[in-house]
Amino acid sequence: MGFSIKGDKLTKRDLDGLFNEYYPRVYNYIYYRTLNAALADDMVGNVMLNIVKAHGSFDATKGNLDAWVFRIARNALFSHFRKTRDVVDVDSVSETVFSYEDEQDDLDERGNMVRDMLKVLNDEERELVYLKFWEELSNKEIAARMGMNASTVSTKLWRANEKMRKTQQ
């Protein structure tokens, strides 16, 4: 996570760094929330464009770049959900989402198990689990990103974990 925004103008090197650093992470963040690869691909393109357009408004004295970028991504998700008010059909997610060709069968089975566990979580819980286990953020970092305190994050993660554990029984 070595990219930073410096100055008012972004060079091609800056754009390349921004893309390389944040595109895959923002894509995973959005995908994990929507469970729709095509939608995530469209949304991450728009988020990256919004980041480039708004880069002049980033103020390092008010927070770090990660939090700023993911706030833009989170706002895009909220906007999408407000517009569509759709419920994600987890069963429509591609069978190959979590797999690689070399270990297709094993990963398909694990992918199905993960989808089953994610079905029981609400949107906020899914985001918390994503930030904790995919982004590997501490509870304190998650709290800062989501506007909660760390103990609330801990409690909500514990409850989400219990919900997911019950799906395996």
Protein backbone atom coordinates (compact mmCIF):
# COMPACT_ATOMS: atom_id res chain seq x y z
CA MET A 1 0.00 0.00 0.00
CA GLY A 2 2.60 2.42 -1.15
CA PHE A 3 0.57 4.73 -3.38
CA SER A 4 -0.24 8.26 -2.28
CA ILE A 5 -1.77 11.32 -3.91
CA LYS A 6 0.58 14.26 -4.11
CA GLY A 7 -0.29 17.61 -5.59
CA ASP A 8 -3.19 18.79 -7.71
CA LYS A 9 -2.31 16.98 -10.94
CA LEU A 10 -2.10 13.25 -11.51
CA THR A 11 0.54 12.03 -13.93
CA LYS A 12 0.28 8.81 -15.92
CA ARG A 13 2.56 7.23 -13.32
CA ASP A 14 0.20 8.44 -10.58
CA LEU A 15 -2.80 6.97 -12.42
CA ASP A 16 -0.99 3.68 -12.94
CA GLY A 17 -0.10 3.54 -9.25
CA LEU A 18 -3.65 4.42 -8.23
CA PHE A 19 -5.07 1.75 -10.52
CA ASN A 20 -2.60 -0.95 -9.47
CA GLU A 21 -3.03 -0.22 -5.77
CA TYR A 22 -6.79 0.25 -5.53
CA TYR A 23 -8.59 -1.33 -8.48
CA PRO A 24 -8.32 -4.94 -7.24
CA ARG A 25 -9.04 -4.01 -3.64
CA VAL A 26 -12.06 -1.86 -4.53
CA TYR A 27 -13.30 -4.56 -6.90
CA ASN A 28 -13.11 -7.17 -4.14
CA TYR A 29 -14.79 -4.82 -1.69
CA ILE A 30 -17.69 -4.16 -4.06
CA TYR A 31 -17.95 -7.77 -5.20
CA TYR A 32 -18.03 -9.02 -1.63
CA ARG A 33 -20.96 -6.70 -0.93
CA THR A 34 -22.94 -7.37 -4.13
CA LEU A 35 -21.87 -10.94 -4.99
CA ASN A 36 -22.24 -9.94 -8.64
CA ALA A 37 -19.06 -9.89 -10.76
CA ALA A 38 -20.52 -7.87 -13.66
CA LEU A 39 -21.99 -5.24 -11.34
CA ALA A 40 -18.74 -5.04 -9.35
CA ASP A 41 -16.77 -4.54 -12.56
CA ASP A 42 -19.04 -1.69 -13.66
CA MET A 43 -19.11 -0.07 -10.25
CA VAL A 44 -15.37 -0.22 -9.66
CA GLY A 45 -14.79 1.56 -12.97
CA ASN A 46 -17.08 4.36 -11.84
CA VAL A 47 -15.47 4.48 -8.40
CA MET A 48 -12.00 4.76 -9.92
CA LEU A 49 -13.22 7.56 -12.17
CA ASN A 50 -14.72 9.36 -9.16
CA ILE A 51 -11.43 8.98 -7.29
CA VAL A 52 -9.53 10.56 -10.17
CA LYS A 53 -12.07 13.38 -10.51
CA ALA A 54 -12.10 14.11 -6.78
CA HIS A 55 -8.41 13.58 -6.02
CA GLY A 56 -7.98 17.32 -5.41
CA SER A 57 -10.38 17.11 -2.47
CA PHE A 58 -8.29 14.51 -0.65
CA ASP A 59 -6.82 16.01 2.52
CA ALA A 60 -4.22 13.86 4.26
CA THR A 61 -4.67 15.87 7.45
CA LYS A 62 -8.26 14.60 7.71
CA GLY A 63 -7.53 10.91 7.19
CA ASN A 64 -5.56 8.38 5.22
CA LEU A 65 -5.93 7.65 1.52
CA ASP A 66 -7.31 4.14 2.13
CA ALA A 67 -10.20 5.46 4.19
CA TRP A 68 -10.92 8.16 1.60
CA VAL A 69 -10.92 5.70 -1.33
CA PHE A 70 -13.13 3.20 0.46
CA ARG A 71 -15.50 5.94 1.58
CA ILE A 72 -16.03 6.73 -2.13
CA ALA A 73 -16.58 3.02 -2.84
CA ARG A 74 -18.96 2.68 0.10
CA ASN A 75 -20.94 5.73 -1.03
CA ALA A 76 -21.20 4.20 -4.51
CA LEU A 77 -22.60 1.02 -2.99
CA PHE A 78 -25.10 2.92 -0.88
CA SER A 79 -26.16 4.90 -3.94
CA HIS A 80 -26.57 1.71 -5.96
CA PHE A 81 -28.62 0.01 -3.24
CA ARG A 82 -30.80 3.09 -2.79
CA LYS A 83 -31.51 3.18 -6.53
CA THR A 84 -32.17 -0.52 -7.01
CA ARG A 85 -33.33 -1.72 -3.61
CA ASP A 86 -32.68 -5.20 -5.00
CA VAL A 87 -31.94 -8.18 -2.86
CA VAL A 88 -28.82 -9.98 -4.05
CA ASP A 89 -29.63 -13.47 -5.29
CA VAL A 90 -26.60 -15.31 -3.99
CA ASP A 91 -27.61 -18.46 -5.88
CA SER A 92 -27.13 -16.64 -9.18
CA VAL A 93 -23.43 -16.10 -8.47
CA SER A 94 -21.22 -17.92 -10.96
CA GLU A 95 -19.97 -21.33 -9.85
CA THR A 96 -16.39 -20.31 -10.69
CA VAL A 97 -16.26 -17.12 -8.65
CA PHE A 98 -14.05 -18.52 -5.92
CA SER A 99 -12.10 -21.05 -7.94
CA TYR A 100 -9.00 -21.55 -10.07
CA GLU A 101 -8.67 -24.21 -12.76
CA ASP A 102 -5.97 -26.22 -10.94
CA GLU A 103 -8.13 -26.95 -7.91
CA GLN A 104 -11.57 -26.56 -9.43
CA ASP A 105 -13.49 -29.22 -7.50
CA ASP A 106 -12.08 -28.42 -4.08
CA LEU A 107 -12.50 -24.70 -4.58
CA ASP A 108 -16.01 -25.06 -5.99
CA GLU A 109 -16.96 -26.89 -2.81
CA ARG A 110 -15.37 -24.21 -0.64
CA GLY A 111 -16.95 -21.48 -2.78
CA ASN A 112 -20.37 -23.02 -2.26
CA MET A 113 -19.74 -23.21 1.46
CA VAL A 114 -18.66 -19.54 1.57
CA ARG A 115 -21.74 -18.47 -0.41
CA ASP A 116 -23.98 -20.43 1.96
CA MET A 117 -22.36 -18.75 4.95
CA LEU A 118 -22.61 -15.26 3.39
CA LYS A 119 -26.32 -15.74 2.66
CA VAL A 120 -27.15 -15.52 6.35
CA LEU A 121 -25.38 -12.18 6.86
CA ASN A 122 -26.94 -8.78 6.39
CA ASP A 123 -25.15 -6.11 4.35
CA GLU A 124 -23.31 -4.57 7.30
CA GLU A 125 -22.16 -7.95 8.59
CA ARG A 126 -20.93 -8.93 5.13
CA GLU A 127 -18.92 -5.69 4.97
CA LEU A 128 -17.41 -6.28 8.41
CA VAL A 129 -16.41 -9.83 7.51
CA TYR A 130 -14.90 -8.62 4.25
CA LEU A 131 -12.84 -5.93 5.95
CA LYS A 132 -11.67 -8.28 8.69
CA PHE A 133 -10.84 -11.39 6.72
CA TRP A 134 -10.22 -10.22 3.15
CA GLU A 135 -8.64 -6.82 3.78
CA GLU A 136 -7.14 -8.11 7.06
CA LEU A 137 -7.87 -4.87 8.90
CA SER A 138 -7.80 -4.61 12.66
CA ASN A 139 -11.03 -3.88 14.53
CA LYS A 140 -9.72 -0.36 15.16
CA GLU A 141 -9.12 0.20 11.43
CA ILE A 142 -12.55 -1.20 10.58
CA ALA A 143 -14.12 1.05 13.21
CA ALA A 144 -12.46 4.12 11.70
CA ARG A 145 -13.57 3.17 8.20
CA MET A 146 -17.17 2.44 9.20
CA GLY A 147 -17.69 5.14 11.82
CA MET A 148 -18.08 2.75 14.76
CA ASN A 149 -16.07 2.08 17.85
CA ALA A 150 -13.79 -0.97 17.99
CA SER A 151 -15.83 -2.79 20.62
CA THR A 152 -18.95 -2.52 18.45
CA VAL A 153 -16.99 -3.95 15.53
CA SER A 154 -15.81 -6.81 17.72
CA THR A 155 -19.34 -7.60 18.90
CA LYS A 156 -20.82 -7.47 15.40
CA LEU A 157 -18.04 -9.66 14.00
CA TRP A 158 -18.62 -12.19 16.76
CA ARG A 159 -22.36 -12.27 16.00
CA ALA A 160 -21.70 -12.60 12.24
CA ASN A 161 -19.27 -15.43 12.95
CA GLU A 162 -21.90 -17.20 15.06
CA LYS A 163 -24.46 -16.88 12.25
CA MET A 164 -22.00 -18.34 9.75
CA ARG A 165 -20.99 -21.13 12.13
CA LYS A 166 -24.64 -22.21 12.44
CA THR A 167 -24.82 -22.71 8.66
CA GLN A 168 -22.11 -25.36 8.94
CA GLN A 169 -23.98 -27.43 11.53
